[in-house]
């Protein structure tokens, strides 16, 4: 692992278990936890390979797997990966630093049709690694593969910096929305969902 993520430095040791318990409770209550997955599912062909980057407890990846996609999830927090493996068997879940992502070394050399970076992941990576995270995730996409990234704009990662980092990572922006259910983007929006594409080679 490289530099400590903000998930580690800006939360307490009990935060991971709180997060696990929260999403287990929401699932048990029947909450809609698949909004991100519905959007990504609409972007790809049936049976696609999808990378859930910063997968947390696996809720997005599990919803995509239920729709027939092959899913690989990666998160830096071992407790969250343990919960993903327990709650959502089927996809492959790995502990890993997105800034150093190399899934070929973990036996997953095949490129992905899409990647999803949800749950404020970009605001939780280690400071200064944002462009490298985007670059490493993009490197796992096939040419013309798509990436969907969503995060709150009140979490210390400016949208202008994100846009600069996507250019540095070699990604092309195609669309931006204010929510995962595609409400129109406005300058005053507090959340951004950006659809990016790795250019075809």
C-alpha atoms as a PDB file:
ATOM      1  CA  UNK A   1       0.000   0.000   0.000  1.00  0.00           C
ATOM      2  CA  UNK A   2       1.088   3.550  -0.697  1.00  0.00           C
ATOM      3  CA  UNK A   3       0.114   6.710   1.173  1.00  0.00           C
ATOM      4  CA  UNK A   4      -2.702   6.321   3.735  1.00  0.00           C
ATOM      5  CA  UNK A   5      -6.092   7.111   2.281  1.00  0.00           C
ATOM      6  CA  UNK A   6      -8.366   9.781   3.707  1.00  0.00           C
ATOM      7  CA  UNK A   7     -10.674   6.907   4.649  1.00  0.00           C
ATOM      8  CA  UNK A   8      -7.987   6.000   7.213  1.00  0.00           C
ATOM      9  CA  UNK A   9      -6.706   9.431   8.212  1.00  0.00           C
ATOM     10  CA  UNK A  10     -10.044  11.256   8.434  1.00  0.00           C
ATOM     11  CA  UNK A  11     -12.175   8.627  10.179  1.00  0.00           C
ATOM     12  CA  UNK A  12     -11.842   6.682  13.407  1.00  0.00           C
ATOM     13  CA  UNK A  13     -11.097   2.957  13.807  1.00  0.00           C
ATOM     14  CA  UNK A  14     -14.798   2.203  14.316  1.00  0.00           C
ATOM     15  CA  UNK A  15     -15.858   3.844  11.067  1.00  0.00           C
ATOM     16  CA  UNK A  16     -15.515   0.746   8.873  1.00  0.00           C
ATOM     17  CA  UNK A  17     -17.816  -1.331  11.085  1.00  0.00           C
ATOM     18  CA  UNK A  18     -20.311   1.540  11.265  1.00  0.00           C
ATOM     19  CA  UNK A  19     -20.307   1.676   7.460  1.00  0.00           C
ATOM     20  CA  UNK A  20     -20.792  -2.089   7.149  1.00  0.00           C
ATOM     21  CA  UNK A  21     -23.639  -2.077   9.668  1.00  0.00           C
ATOM     22  CA  UNK A  22     -25.279   0.919   7.992  1.00  0.00           C
ATOM     23  CA  UNK A  23     -25.523  -0.701   4.571  1.00  0.00           C
ATOM     24  CA  UNK A  24     -26.582  -4.058   5.985  1.00  0.00           C
ATOM     25  CA  UNK A  25     -29.377  -2.271   7.821  1.00  0.00           C
ATOM     26  CA  UNK A  26     -30.427  -0.307   4.722  1.00  0.00           C
ATOM     27  CA  UNK A  27     -30.503  -3.509   2.673  1.00  0.00           C
ATOM     28  CA  UNK A  28     -32.590  -5.267   5.325  1.00  0.00           C
ATOM     29  CA  UNK A  29     -35.018  -2.328   5.294  1.00  0.00           C
ATOM     30  CA  UNK A  30     -35.424  -2.638   1.527  1.00  0.00           C
ATOM     31  CA  UNK A  31     -33.694   0.637   0.641  1.00  0.00           C
ATOM     32  CA  UNK A  32     -32.833   1.219  -3.003  1.00  0.00           C
ATOM     33  CA  UNK A  33     -29.073   0.699  -3.081  1.00  0.00           C
ATOM     34  CA  UNK A  34     -28.701  -0.011  -6.793  1.00  0.00           C
ATOM     35  CA  UNK A  35     -28.962   3.422  -8.411  1.00  0.00           C
ATOM     36  CA  UNK A  36     -25.335   3.500  -9.522  1.00  0.00           C
ATOM     37  CA  UNK A  37     -25.602  -0.046 -10.858  1.00  0.00           C
ATOM     38  CA  UNK A  38     -28.657   0.799 -12.968  1.00  0.00           C
ATOM     39  CA  UNK A  39     -26.772   3.609 -14.665  1.00  0.00           C
ATOM     40  CA  UNK A  40     -23.679   1.521 -15.344  1.00  0.00           C
ATOM     41  CA  UNK A  41     -25.824  -1.374 -16.603  1.00  0.00           C
ATOM     42  CA  UNK A  42     -27.363   0.984 -19.161  1.00  0.00           C
ATOM     43  CA  UNK A  43     -23.912   1.945 -20.462  1.00  0.00           C
ATOM     44  CA  UNK A  44     -22.662  -1.531 -21.350  1.00  0.00           C
ATOM     45  CA  UNK A  45     -23.653  -4.639 -23.249  1.00  0.00           C
ATOM     46  CA  UNK A  46     -25.107  -7.639 -21.410  1.00  0.00           C
ATOM     47  CA  UNK A  47     -22.489  -9.809 -19.771  1.00  0.00           C
ATOM     48  CA  UNK A  48     -19.819  -7.108 -19.599  1.00  0.00           C
ATOM     49  CA  UNK A  49     -16.743  -7.096 -17.379  1.00  0.00           C
ATOM     50  CA  UNK A  50     -17.044  -4.308 -14.809  1.00  0.00           C
ATOM     51  CA  UNK A  51     -14.514  -3.011 -12.298  1.00  0.00           C
ATOM     52  CA  UNK A  52     -15.986  -1.689  -9.047  1.00  0.00           C
ATOM     53  CA  UNK A  53     -13.143   0.588  -7.939  1.00  0.00           C
ATOM     54  CA  UNK A  54     -13.444   1.474  -4.268  1.00  0.00           C
ATOM     55  CA  UNK A  55     -16.157  -1.149  -3.912  1.00  0.00           C
ATOM     56  CA  UNK A  56     -16.665  -0.835  -0.151  1.00  0.00           C
ATOM     57  CA  UNK A  57     -19.078  -3.509   1.039  1.00  0.00           C
ATOM     58  CA  UNK A  58     -19.868  -4.542  -2.527  1.00  0.00           C
ATOM     59  CA  UNK A  59     -23.395  -3.198  -2.921  1.00  0.00           C
ATOM     60  CA  UNK A  60     -22.839  -1.707  -6.410  1.00  0.00           C
ATOM     61  CA  UNK A  61     -20.822  -4.623  -7.724  1.00  0.00           C
ATOM     62  CA  UNK A  62     -23.332  -7.116  -6.347  1.00  0.00           C
ATOM     63  CA  UNK A  63     -26.204  -5.335  -8.100  1.00  0.00           C
ATOM     64  CA  UNK A  64     -24.259  -5.411 -11.360  1.00  0.00           C
ATOM     65  CA  UNK A  65     -23.468  -9.111 -10.917  1.00  0.00           C
ATOM     66  CA  UNK A  66     -27.179  -9.742 -10.358  1.00  0.00           C
ATOM     67  CA  UNK A  67     -27.745  -8.150 -13.769  1.00  0.00           C
ATOM     68  CA  UNK A  68     -25.462 -10.719 -15.377  1.00  0.00           C
ATOM     69  CA  UNK A  69     -22.140  -8.871 -15.490  1.00  0.00           C
ATOM     70  CA  UNK A  70     -18.756 -10.228 -14.436  1.00  0.00           C
ATOM     71  CA  UNK A  71     -17.621  -8.005 -11.564  1.00  0.00           C
ATOM     72  CA  UNK A  72     -14.298  -7.488  -9.852  1.00  0.00           C
ATOM     73  CA  UNK A  73     -14.217  -5.173  -6.830  1.00  0.00           C
ATOM     74  CA  UNK A  74     -11.247  -3.523  -5.154  1.00  0.00           C
ATOM     75  CA  UNK A  75     -11.067  -1.557  -1.912  1.00  0.00           C
ATOM     76  CA  UNK A  76      -8.217  -0.528   0.381  1.00  0.00           C
ATOM     77  CA  UNK A  77     -10.149  -1.408   3.551  1.00  0.00           C
ATOM     78  CA  UNK A  78      -9.825  -5.122   4.455  1.00  0.00           C
ATOM     79  CA  UNK A  79     -12.897  -4.969   6.717  1.00  0.00           C
ATOM     80  CA  UNK A  80     -15.084  -3.759   3.858  1.00  0.00           C
ATOM     81  CA  UNK A  81     -13.738  -6.453   1.536  1.00  0.00           C
ATOM     82  CA  UNK A  82     -14.418  -9.093   4.187  1.00  0.00           C
ATOM     83  CA  UNK A  83     -18.017  -7.849   4.378  1.00  0.00           C
ATOM     84  CA  UNK A  84     -18.333  -7.869   0.583  1.00  0.00           C
ATOM     85  CA  UNK A  85     -17.133 -11.459   0.416  1.00  0.00           C
ATOM     86  CA  UNK A  86     -19.517 -12.507   3.193  1.00  0.00           C
ATOM     87  CA  UNK A  87     -22.586 -10.660   1.911  1.00  0.00           C
ATOM     88  CA  UNK A  88     -22.109 -10.908  -1.865  1.00  0.00           C
ATOM     89  CA  UNK A  89     -20.455 -14.137  -3.019  1.00  0.00           C
ATOM     90  CA  UNK A  90     -19.944 -14.355  -6.759  1.00  0.00           C
ATOM     91  CA  UNK A  91     -17.882 -11.326  -7.743  1.00  0.00           C
ATOM     92  CA  UNK A  92     -14.177 -11.371  -6.957  1.00  0.00           C
ATOM     93  CA  UNK A  93     -13.257  -8.915  -4.201  1.00  0.00           C
ATOM     94  CA  UNK A  94      -9.675  -7.748  -3.646  1.00  0.00           C
ATOM     95  CA  UNK A  95      -7.934  -5.593  -1.056  1.00  0.00           C
ATOM     96  CA  UNK A  96      -5.848  -3.046  -2.906  1.00  0.00           C
ATOM     97  CA  UNK A  97      -4.719   0.553  -3.235  1.00  0.00           C
ATOM     98  CA  UNK A  98      -6.335   2.100  -6.299  1.00  0.00           C
ATOM     99  CA  UNK A  99      -3.278   4.309  -6.821  1.00  0.00           C
ATOM    100  CA  UNK A 100      -1.232   1.125  -7.346  1.00  0.00           C
ATOM    101  CA  UNK A 101      -3.932  -0.986  -9.007  1.00  0.00           C
ATOM    102  CA  UNK A 102      -2.534  -3.972 -10.910  1.00  0.00           C
ATOM    103  CA  UNK A 103      -5.180  -6.651 -11.221  1.00  0.00           C
ATOM    104  CA  UNK A 104      -3.114  -8.703 -13.660  1.00  0.00           C
ATOM    105  CA  UNK A 105      -0.881  -9.500 -10.688  1.00  0.00           C
ATOM    106  CA  UNK A 106      -3.989 -10.843  -8.916  1.00  0.00           C
ATOM    107  CA  UNK A 107      -4.928 -13.131 -11.780  1.00  0.00           C
ATOM    108  CA  UNK A 108      -7.303 -10.718 -13.551  1.00  0.00           C
ATOM    109  CA  UNK A 109      -5.419  -9.706 -16.720  1.00  0.00           C
ATOM    110  CA  UNK A 110      -8.476  -9.272 -18.956  1.00  0.00           C
ATOM    111  CA  UNK A 111      -9.486  -5.635 -19.504  1.00  0.00           C
ATOM    112  CA  UNK A 112     -12.828  -4.281 -18.350  1.00  0.00           C
ATOM    113  CA  UNK A 113     -15.643  -2.844 -20.425  1.00  0.00           C
ATOM    114  CA  UNK A 114     -16.506  -0.350 -17.694  1.00  0.00           C
ATOM    115  CA  UNK A 115     -15.466   0.886 -14.278  1.00  0.00           C
ATOM    116  CA  UNK A 116     -17.603   2.474 -11.594  1.00  0.00           C
ATOM    117  CA  UNK A 117     -16.107   4.735  -8.925  1.00  0.00           C
ATOM    118  CA  UNK A 118     -19.026   5.472  -6.603  1.00  0.00           C
ATOM    119  CA  UNK A 119     -19.603   6.260  -2.933  1.00  0.00           C
ATOM    120  CA  UNK A 120     -17.325   9.325  -2.748  1.00  0.00           C
ATOM    121  CA  UNK A 121     -14.280   7.148  -3.437  1.00  0.00           C
ATOM    122  CA  UNK A 122     -12.396   9.998  -5.113  1.00  0.00           C
ATOM    123  CA  UNK A 123     -12.775  12.112  -1.976  1.00  0.00           C
ATOM    124  CA  UNK A 124     -11.350   9.305   0.191  1.00  0.00           C
ATOM    125  CA  UNK A 125      -8.179   8.407  -1.745  1.00  0.00           C
ATOM    126  CA  UNK A 126      -4.831   9.634  -0.405  1.00  0.00           C
ATOM    127  CA  UNK A 127      -4.256  13.349  -1.013  1.00  0.00           C
ATOM    128  CA  UNK A 128      -2.308  13.955  -4.186  1.00  0.00           C
ATOM    129  CA  UNK A 129      -3.055  10.523  -5.675  1.00  0.00           C
ATOM    130  CA  UNK A 130      -6.310  11.420  -7.440  1.00  0.00           C
ATOM    131  CA  UNK A 131      -4.839  11.616 -10.951  1.00  0.00           C
ATOM    132  CA  UNK A 132      -2.861   8.415 -10.366  1.00  0.00           C
ATOM    133  CA  UNK A 133      -6.010   6.613  -9.174  1.00  0.00           C
ATOM    134  CA  UNK A 134      -7.854   7.661 -12.326  1.00  0.00           C
ATOM    135  CA  UNK A 135      -4.864   6.653 -14.462  1.00  0.00           C
ATOM    136  CA  UNK A 136      -4.609   3.190 -12.877  1.00  0.00           C
ATOM    137  CA  UNK A 137      -8.352   2.536 -13.159  1.00  0.00           C
ATOM    138  CA  UNK A 138      -8.311   3.734 -16.783  1.00  0.00           C
ATOM    139  CA  UNK A 139      -5.391   1.410 -17.523  1.00  0.00           C
ATOM    140  CA  UNK A 140      -7.672  -1.523 -16.699  1.00  0.00           C
ATOM    141  CA  UNK A 141     -10.300  -0.489 -19.260  1.00  0.00           C
ATOM    142  CA  UNK A 142     -10.340  -1.750 -22.797  1.00  0.00           C
ATOM    143  CA  UNK A 143      -9.980   0.930 -25.473  1.00  0.00           C
ATOM    144  CA  UNK A 144     -13.330   2.758 -25.708  1.00  0.00           C
ATOM    145  CA  UNK A 145     -14.251   1.523 -22.219  1.00  0.00           C
ATOM    146  CA  UNK A 146     -16.383   3.768 -20.009  1.00  0.00           C
ATOM    147  CA  UNK A 147     -15.898   4.989 -16.444  1.00  0.00           C
ATOM    148  CA  UNK A 148     -18.645   6.422 -14.209  1.00  0.00           C
ATOM    149  CA  UNK A 149     -17.422   8.540 -11.282  1.00  0.00           C
ATOM    150  CA  UNK A 150     -19.629  10.170  -8.646  1.00  0.00           C
ATOM    151  CA  UNK A 151     -18.784  12.188  -5.541  1.00  0.00           C
ATOM    152  CA  UNK A 152     -20.069  15.000  -3.362  1.00  0.00           C
ATOM    153  CA  UNK A 153     -18.610  18.421  -3.991  1.00  0.00           C
ATOM    154  CA  UNK A 154     -18.423  19.305  -0.303  1.00  0.00           C
ATOM    155  CA  UNK A 155     -15.680  16.791   0.483  1.00  0.00           C
ATOM    156  CA  UNK A 156     -12.530  18.718  -0.365  1.00  0.00           C
ATOM    157  CA  UNK A 157     -11.947  17.550  -3.944  1.00  0.00           C
ATOM    158  CA  UNK A 158     -12.778  20.378  -6.318  1.00  0.00           C
ATOM    159  CA  UNK A 159     -14.539  19.505  -9.541  1.00  0.00           C
ATOM    160  CA  UNK A 160     -12.077  21.647 -11.511  1.00  0.00           C
ATOM    161  CA  UNK A 161      -9.231  19.573 -10.050  1.00  0.00           C
ATOM    162  CA  UNK A 162     -11.060  16.371 -10.942  1.00  0.00           C
ATOM    163  CA  UNK A 163     -11.480  17.575 -14.515  1.00  0.00           C
ATOM    164  CA  UNK A 164      -7.767  18.358 -14.720  1.00  0.00           C
ATOM    165  CA  UNK A 165      -6.952  14.938 -13.269  1.00  0.00           C
ATOM    166  CA  UNK A 166      -9.120  13.152 -15.833  1.00  0.00           C
ATOM    167  CA  UNK A 167      -7.167  14.855 -18.625  1.00  0.00           C
ATOM    168  CA  UNK A 168      -3.898  13.842 -16.972  1.00  0.00           C
ATOM    169  CA  UNK A 169      -5.218  10.270 -16.804  1.00  0.00           C
ATOM    170  CA  UNK A 170      -5.950  10.277 -20.536  1.00  0.00           C
ATOM    171  CA  UNK A 171      -9.724  10.122 -20.161  1.00  0.00           C
ATOM    172  CA  UNK A 172     -12.298  11.987 -22.233  1.00  0.00           C
ATOM    173  CA  UNK A 173     -15.366  13.467 -20.548  1.00  0.00           C
ATOM    174  CA  UNK A 174     -18.642  12.681 -22.301  1.00  0.00           C
ATOM    175  CA  UNK A 175     -21.436  13.594 -19.876  1.00  0.00           C
ATOM    176  CA  UNK A 176     -22.060  15.081 -16.466  1.00  0.00           C
ATOM    177  CA  UNK A 177     -25.148  14.799 -14.272  1.00  0.00           C
ATOM    178  CA  UNK A 178     -26.141  15.982 -10.802  1.00  0.00           C
ATOM    179  CA  UNK A 179     -27.266  12.528  -9.623  1.00  0.00           C
ATOM    180  CA  UNK A 180     -26.958   8.860 -10.515  1.00  0.00           C
ATOM    181  CA  UNK A 181     -30.522   8.998 -11.871  1.00  0.00           C
ATOM    182  CA  UNK A 182     -29.387  11.526 -14.492  1.00  0.00           C
ATOM    183  CA  UNK A 183     -30.847  14.755 -13.209  1.00  0.00           C
ATOM    184  CA  UNK A 184     -29.363  17.691 -15.123  1.00  0.00           C
ATOM    185  CA  UNK A 185     -26.032  19.084 -14.019  1.00  0.00           C
ATOM    186  CA  UNK A 186     -26.049  22.682 -12.808  1.00  0.00           C
ATOM    187  CA  UNK A 187     -23.216  24.797 -11.448  1.00  0.00           C
ATOM    188  CA  UNK A 188     -24.928  24.900  -8.064  1.00  0.00           C
ATOM    189  CA  UNK A 189     -25.280  21.105  -7.868  1.00  0.00           C
ATOM    190  CA  UNK A 190     -23.786  19.551  -4.760  1.00  0.00           C
ATOM    191  CA  UNK A 191     -22.950  16.221  -6.384  1.00  0.00           C
ATOM    192  CA  UNK A 192     -21.424  15.301  -9.729  1.00  0.00           C
ATOM    193  CA  UNK A 193     -21.680  12.108 -11.747  1.00  0.00           C
ATOM    194  CA  UNK A 194     -19.255  12.194 -14.656  1.00  0.00           C
ATOM    195  CA  UNK A 195     -19.096   9.697 -17.509  1.00  0.00           C
ATOM    196  CA  UNK A 196     -15.611   9.325 -18.933  1.00  0.00           C
ATOM    197  CA  UNK A 197     -14.217   7.223 -21.740  1.00  0.00           C
ATOM    198  CA  UNK A 198     -10.815   5.774 -22.455  1.00  0.00           C
ATOM    199  CA  UNK A 199     -10.182   6.773 -26.082  1.00  0.00           C
ATOM    200  CA  UNK A 200     -10.067   3.970 -28.614  1.00  0.00           C
ATOM    201  CA  UNK A 201      -6.539   3.183 -29.664  1.00  0.00           C
END
